[in-house]
């Protein structure tokens, strides 16, 4: 089948084609290494973790400290990732122009900045939130840099399955910030992000398969091919849809509204997973799935916040009363 996106039929896909903002907005070197485009989604899942607790809404100072500390920890993780992979980035066409391999920043300067961000994040979270939130943020940082980047990524095609724990920790940080402990809701969102991550990342890996193969990184599309990867994406896509439904039970209130609003998100996700499965070599479908998966997770977190509004609780109460009334009118033989 011929792709509906001709510019993606080249053997090598540039990151700018996948993320147009990279072409439109050039970041200064010191900000580029912090990978700021990844941070908003991490903060969104942090908010989602908060919304799933009885401590929601948080006071403004605690909310600012949590999100500020999380952003600093994520920036430190991004900088350390760039530092660790500077030689690898220099050998890959799409990353050779990054700040470190191109010489626009020095490794010593990046390391100093990463340590400064880490200390600032820890100080902000300990003083303004609690030690559990601070510890979890640092655990997420270490998981990304040591578990995923240094250990799993160069060794196994399942790197993102296990390494995805780093990106799934922010909901735990949010829950810990709101209540001082991690409840059922926090663990549910942690699980959802874990199963969502492989489908999201493997869609990107299909697009960048040639680049990864050129430097010997064993991403799943490189090791098993695009068709196998599309089937794996389908498995994790269905798992994402199933687990997302349990948010109805994980929410303290507003679960019914969440469940109704969730339906179009899951329908669209499955539609795009199916299209990729039908044409796994069509990079246009991989690109579409990658982009939608980002919007999907943002949407889930937005639904969680909306479901904690007073009108959501009223909707649930009125809907249950209406269903009970209608059920009572139906004679039982």
Protein backbone atom coordinates (compact mmCIF):
# COMPACT_ATOMS: atom_id res chain seq x y z
CA UNK A 1 0.00 0.00 0.00
CA UNK A 2 1.33 3.46 -0.86
CA UNK A 3 1.64 5.81 2.10
CA UNK A 4 -0.64 8.80 2.28
CA UNK A 5 2.35 10.75 3.54
CA UNK A 6 4.90 10.81 0.70
CA UNK A 7 7.57 12.72 2.63
CA UNK A 8 7.78 9.85 5.09
CA UNK A 9 8.61 7.24 2.46
CA UNK A 10 12.30 8.08 2.57
CA UNK A 11 14.60 5.53 4.16
CA UNK A 12 15.58 7.97 6.89
CA UNK A 13 13.02 10.10 8.69
CA UNK A 14 14.16 13.30 10.36
CA UNK A 15 12.92 14.18 13.82
CA UNK A 16 11.64 17.48 12.43
CA UNK A 17 9.18 15.58 10.21
CA UNK A 18 7.77 13.82 13.27
CA UNK A 19 7.80 16.80 15.62
CA UNK A 20 7.30 19.92 13.44
CA UNK A 21 7.91 22.25 16.40
CA UNK A 22 11.59 21.21 16.33
CA UNK A 23 11.90 22.86 12.92
CA UNK A 24 9.79 25.89 13.74
CA UNK A 25 11.31 26.60 17.15
CA UNK A 26 15.06 26.32 17.63
CA UNK A 27 15.97 26.10 21.30
CA UNK A 28 19.15 27.53 22.82
CA UNK A 29 21.74 24.79 23.55
CA UNK A 30 21.38 24.90 27.33
CA UNK A 31 17.62 24.38 27.03
CA UNK A 32 17.88 21.79 24.25
CA UNK A 33 19.75 19.30 26.45
CA UNK A 34 16.99 19.48 29.07
CA UNK A 35 14.54 18.01 26.50
CA UNK A 36 11.75 20.45 27.41
CA UNK A 37 9.29 18.95 24.90
CA UNK A 38 9.06 15.84 27.09
CA UNK A 39 8.37 17.68 30.32
CA UNK A 40 4.74 18.83 29.80
CA UNK A 41 3.46 15.26 29.49
CA UNK A 42 5.35 14.23 32.62
CA UNK A 43 3.77 17.13 34.50
CA UNK A 44 0.34 16.23 33.09
CA UNK A 45 0.58 12.70 34.51
CA UNK A 46 1.74 14.23 37.80
CA UNK A 47 -1.48 16.28 37.86
CA UNK A 48 -3.41 13.15 36.99
CA UNK A 49 -1.92 11.38 39.98
CA UNK A 50 -2.99 14.26 42.20
CA UNK A 51 -6.53 14.28 40.82
CA UNK A 52 -6.94 10.62 41.74
CA UNK A 53 -6.57 11.32 45.47
CA UNK A 54 -8.74 12.71 48.24
CA UNK A 55 -6.13 15.44 48.66
CA UNK A 56 -7.23 17.15 45.45
CA UNK A 57 -7.14 20.08 44.88
CA UNK A 58 -3.74 20.95 46.32
CA UNK A 59 -2.86 24.34 47.72
CA UNK A 60 -1.18 26.65 45.22
CA UNK A 61 2.26 26.62 46.95
CA UNK A 62 2.36 22.81 47.10
CA UNK A 63 1.16 22.53 43.50
CA UNK A 64 3.86 24.92 42.28
CA UNK A 65 6.58 23.16 44.28
CA UNK A 66 5.51 19.73 42.98
CA UNK A 67 5.39 20.74 39.34
CA UNK A 68 8.51 22.90 39.61
CA UNK A 69 10.48 20.14 41.30
CA UNK A 70 9.24 17.60 38.76
CA UNK A 71 10.24 19.84 35.86
CA UNK A 72 13.74 20.35 37.30
CA UNK A 73 14.20 16.62 37.89
CA UNK A 74 13.06 15.87 34.33
CA UNK A 75 15.44 18.51 32.96
CA UNK A 76 18.31 16.95 34.89
CA UNK A 77 17.40 13.51 33.55
CA UNK A 78 17.31 14.85 29.98
CA UNK A 79 20.71 16.50 30.36
CA UNK A 80 22.30 13.37 31.82
CA UNK A 81 20.76 11.32 29.01
CA UNK A 82 22.34 13.65 26.43
CA UNK A 83 25.65 13.47 28.27
CA UNK A 84 25.65 9.68 28.36
CA UNK A 85 24.69 9.35 24.69
CA UNK A 86 26.77 12.15 23.19
CA UNK A 87 29.00 9.74 21.23
CA UNK A 88 25.97 7.79 20.00
CA UNK A 89 24.18 11.01 19.04
CA UNK A 90 27.23 12.11 17.07
CA UNK A 91 27.01 8.97 14.91
CA UNK A 92 23.29 9.29 14.14
CA UNK A 93 22.25 11.61 11.33
CA UNK A 94 19.18 13.03 13.05
CA UNK A 95 21.01 13.78 16.35
CA UNK A 96 24.49 14.80 15.19
CA UNK A 97 23.52 18.46 15.39
CA UNK A 98 22.56 18.33 19.06
CA UNK A 99 24.33 20.65 21.47
CA UNK A 100 26.88 18.16 22.83
CA UNK A 101 28.02 16.26 19.71
CA UNK A 102 28.15 19.50 17.73
CA UNK A 103 30.34 21.12 20.38
CA UNK A 104 27.95 23.95 21.24
CA UNK A 105 28.04 22.88 24.89
CA UNK A 106 30.81 21.26 26.92
CA UNK A 107 30.25 17.99 28.82
CA UNK A 108 31.47 19.63 32.04
CA UNK A 109 28.94 22.42 31.70
CA UNK A 110 26.07 20.02 31.01
CA UNK A 111 27.02 17.83 33.97
CA UNK A 112 27.20 20.86 36.27
CA UNK A 113 23.79 22.00 35.05
CA UNK A 114 22.30 18.55 35.60
CA UNK A 115 23.62 18.34 39.14
CA UNK A 116 22.34 21.86 39.88
CA UNK A 117 18.87 20.97 38.60
CA UNK A 118 18.86 17.77 40.65
CA UNK A 119 19.79 19.58 43.86
CA UNK A 120 17.25 22.33 43.16
CA UNK A 121 14.52 19.75 42.52
CA UNK A 122 15.30 17.86 45.72
CA UNK A 123 15.39 21.05 47.78
CA UNK A 124 12.10 22.33 46.35
CA UNK A 125 10.28 19.02 46.84
CA UNK A 126 11.59 18.32 50.34
CA UNK A 127 10.92 21.83 51.62
CA UNK A 128 7.68 22.52 49.76
CA UNK A 129 6.06 19.09 49.45
CA UNK A 130 7.36 16.00 51.29
CA UNK A 131 10.25 13.56 51.30
CA UNK A 132 8.29 10.80 49.56
CA UNK A 133 7.57 12.99 46.54
CA UNK A 134 11.21 14.06 46.45
CA UNK A 135 12.46 10.48 46.68
CA UNK A 136 10.15 9.31 43.91
CA UNK A 137 11.26 12.13 41.60
CA UNK A 138 14.89 11.17 42.11
CA UNK A 139 13.96 7.52 41.54
CA UNK A 140 12.41 8.51 38.21
CA UNK A 141 15.58 10.39 37.26
CA UNK A 142 17.82 7.42 38.13
CA UNK A 143 15.49 4.99 36.35
CA UNK A 144 15.67 6.97 33.13
CA UNK A 145 19.42 7.55 33.14
CA UNK A 146 20.73 4.31 34.67
CA UNK A 147 18.05 1.67 34.06
CA UNK A 148 16.84 2.71 30.61
CA UNK A 149 19.60 4.78 28.96
CA UNK A 150 22.71 3.08 30.31
CA UNK A 151 21.58 -0.52 30.85
CA UNK A 152 18.48 -1.53 28.88
CA UNK A 153 18.53 0.58 25.72
CA UNK A 154 21.75 -0.82 24.21
CA UNK A 155 21.09 -4.42 25.32
CA UNK A 156 17.53 -5.57 24.66
CA UNK A 157 14.65 -4.97 22.27
CA UNK A 158 12.33 -4.92 25.31
CA UNK A 159 14.18 -1.88 26.65
CA UNK A 160 11.12 0.37 26.70
CA UNK A 161 8.88 -2.28 28.30
CA UNK A 162 10.94 -2.24 31.49
CA UNK A 163 12.57 1.15 31.06
CA UNK A 164 9.14 2.74 30.79
CA UNK A 165 8.98 2.72 34.58
CA UNK A 166 10.84 6.04 34.54
CA UNK A 167 8.03 7.77 32.66
CA UNK A 168 5.39 6.11 34.83
CA UNK A 169 6.71 7.47 38.13
CA UNK A 170 5.27 11.05 37.89
CA UNK A 171 1.71 9.86 38.79
CA UNK A 172 3.19 8.39 41.98
CA UNK A 173 4.87 11.73 42.69
CA UNK A 174 1.54 13.49 42.25
CA UNK A 175 -0.26 11.09 44.58
CA UNK A 176 2.50 11.36 47.18
CA UNK A 177 2.41 15.16 46.98
CA UNK A 178 -1.36 15.25 47.53
CA UNK A 179 -1.66 12.79 50.41
CA UNK A 180 1.81 11.77 51.60
CA UNK A 181 1.29 8.20 50.40
CA UNK A 182 0.56 6.29 47.19
CA UNK A 183 -3.00 5.04 46.96
CA UNK A 184 -4.85 2.83 44.52
CA UNK A 185 -5.41 5.65 42.06
CA UNK A 186 -1.71 6.46 41.82
CA UNK A 187 -0.81 2.85 41.14
CA UNK A 188 -3.57 2.60 38.52
CA UNK A 189 -2.22 5.57 36.55
CA UNK A 190 1.32 4.20 36.97
CA UNK A 191 0.13 0.94 35.38
CA UNK A 192 -1.68 2.75 32.58
CA UNK A 193 1.41 4.76 31.65
CA UNK A 194 3.52 1.58 31.76
CA UNK A 195 1.36 -0.25 29.18
CA UNK A 196 0.83 2.89 27.08
CA UNK A 197 4.55 3.59 26.75
CA UNK A 198 5.60 0.66 24.50
CA UNK A 199 2.84 1.32 21.95
CA UNK A 200 3.69 5.02 21.97
CA UNK A 201 7.44 4.56 21.66
CA UNK A 202 7.44 1.68 19.18
CA UNK A 203 5.43 3.80 16.74
CA UNK A 204 8.31 6.29 16.86
CA UNK A 205 10.87 3.48 16.64
CA UNK A 206 9.29 2.29 13.37
CA UNK A 207 9.84 5.76 11.95
CA UNK A 208 13.46 5.87 13.13
CA UNK A 209 14.31 2.22 12.48
CA UNK A 210 17.10 2.93 10.00
CA UNK A 211 18.76 5.41 12.34
CA UNK A 212 18.72 2.99 15.25
CA UNK A 213 19.97 0.15 13.07
CA UNK A 214 22.89 2.24 11.81
CA UNK A 215 24.33 2.51 15.33
CA UNK A 216 23.39 -0.94 16.60
CA UNK A 217 20.61 -0.01 19.02
CA UNK A 218 18.33 -3.09 19.29
CA UNK A 219 14.95 -1.41 19.13
CA UNK A 220 12.11 -3.83 18.44
CA UNK A 221 11.56 -2.78 14.77
CA UNK A 222 15.27 -3.27 14.13
CA UNK A 223 15.39 -6.74 15.71
CA UNK A 224 11.98 -8.14 14.69
CA UNK A 225 10.76 -5.88 11.89
CA UNK A 226 7.86 -3.47 11.50
CA UNK A 227 5.16 -6.15 11.08
CA UNK A 228 6.05 -7.85 14.38
CA UNK A 229 6.28 -4.45 16.08
CA UNK A 230 2.82 -3.50 14.79
CA UNK A 231 1.39 -6.66 16.36
CA UNK A 232 3.13 -5.86 19.64
CA UNK A 233 1.73 -2.32 19.46
CA UNK A 234 -1.74 -3.80 19.00
CA UNK A 235 -1.33 -5.93 22.13
CA UNK A 236 -0.24 -2.98 24.24
CA UNK A 237 -2.84 -0.73 22.64
CA UNK A 238 -5.63 -3.08 23.70
CA UNK A 239 -4.09 -3.37 27.17
CA UNK A 240 -4.07 0.42 27.38
CA UNK A 241 -7.75 0.59 26.50
CA UNK A 242 -8.70 -2.07 29.05
CA UNK A 243 -6.66 -0.58 31.89
CA UNK A 244 -7.86 2.96 31.12
CA UNK A 245 -11.40 1.80 31.88
CA UNK A 246 -10.47 1.01 35.48
CA UNK A 247 -10.14 4.74 36.06
CA UNK A 248 -13.89 4.67 36.65
CA UNK A 249 -13.17 2.78 39.87
CA UNK A 250 -9.89 4.52 40.71
CA UNK A 251 -11.43 8.01 40.82
CA UNK A 252 -12.82 9.06 44.21
CA UNK A 253 -15.75 10.67 42.36
CA UNK A 254 -16.73 11.57 38.82
CA UNK A 255 -15.95 8.11 37.49
CA UNK A 256 -19.09 7.84 35.39
CA UNK A 257 -18.39 11.06 33.50
CA UNK A 258 -14.79 9.94 33.00
CA UNK A 259 -15.96 6.64 31.53
CA UNK A 260 -18.29 8.31 29.04
CA UNK A 261 -15.73 10.87 27.91
CA UNK A 262 -13.09 8.15 27.61
CA UNK A 263 -14.92 6.29 24.83
CA UNK A 264 -13.90 8.50 21.87
CA UNK A 265 -10.28 8.52 23.03
CA UNK A 266 -10.10 4.74 23.12
CA UNK A 267 -12.00 4.36 19.86
CA UNK A 268 -9.54 6.60 18.05
CA UNK A 269 -6.55 4.84 19.60
CA UNK A 270 -7.77 1.42 18.48
CA UNK A 271 -8.57 2.76 15.03
CA UNK A 272 -5.02 3.99 14.55
CA UNK A 273 -3.53 0.80 15.99
CA UNK A 274 -5.63 -1.20 13.51
CA UNK A 275 -4.50 0.93 10.57
CA UNK A 276 -0.85 0.40 11.47
CA UNK A 277 -1.46 -3.34 11.81
CA UNK A 278 -2.98 -3.43 8.33
CA UNK A 279 -0.01 -1.56 6.78
CA UNK A 280 2.97 -1.83 9.14
CA UNK A 281 5.37 -0.44 6.53
CA UNK A 282 3.28 2.71 6.04
CA UNK A 283 5.22 5.33 7.94
CA UNK A 284 2.30 7.73 7.70
CA UNK A 285 0.27 5.43 9.96
CA UNK A 286 3.17 5.09 12.41
CA UNK A 287 3.53 8.86 12.53
CA UNK A 288 -0.20 9.33 13.11
CA UNK A 289 -0.26 6.80 15.92
CA UNK A 290 2.79 8.35 17.58
CA UNK A 291 1.22 11.80 17.56
CA UNK A 292 -2.20 10.59 18.70
CA UNK A 293 -0.70 8.57 21.55
CA UNK A 294 0.73 11.79 22.99
CA UNK A 295 -2.63 13.55 22.73
CA UNK A 296 -4.27 10.44 24.20
CA UNK A 297 -2.28 10.59 27.43
CA UNK A 298 -2.76 14.34 27.74
CA UNK A 299 -6.48 13.69 27.23
CA UNK A 300 -6.64 11.02 29.93
CA UNK A 301 -5.05 13.37 32.44
CA UNK A 302 -7.42 16.17 31.42
CA UNK A 303 -10.38 13.83 31.91
CA UNK A 304 -9.14 12.96 35.40
CA UNK A 305 -9.00 16.63 36.35
CA UNK A 306 -12.42 17.33 34.81
CA UNK A 307 -13.87 14.36 36.68
CA UNK A 308 -12.93 15.97 40.00
CA UNK A 309 -14.93 19.13 39.28
CA UNK A 310 -18.14 19.57 41.31
CA UNK A 311 -20.26 19.28 38.18
CA UNK A 312 -18.81 15.82 37.51
CA UNK A 313 -19.89 14.57 40.93
CA UNK A 314 -23.35 16.05 40.34
CA UNK A 315 -23.53 14.34 36.97
CA UNK A 316 -22.70 10.99 38.56
CA UNK A 317 -25.29 11.45 41.31
CA UNK A 318 -28.06 12.50 38.93
CA UNK A 319 -27.22 9.75 36.44
CA UNK A 320 -27.28 7.04 39.10
CA UNK A 321 -30.59 8.38 40.43
CA UNK A 322 -32.06 8.40 36.93
CA UNK A 323 -30.88 4.85 36.23
CA UNK A 324 -32.29 3.67 39.55
CA UNK A 325 -35.61 5.32 38.80
CA UNK A 326 -35.81 3.81 35.32
CA UNK A 327 -34.82 0.40 36.65
CA UNK A 328 -37.53 0.61 39.29
CA UNK A 329 -40.14 1.30 36.61
CA UNK A 330 -39.27 -1.93 34.76
CA UNK A 331 -41.40 -4.81 36.08
CA UNK A 332 -39.44 -7.90 37.04
CA UNK A 333 -41.17 -11.17 36.16
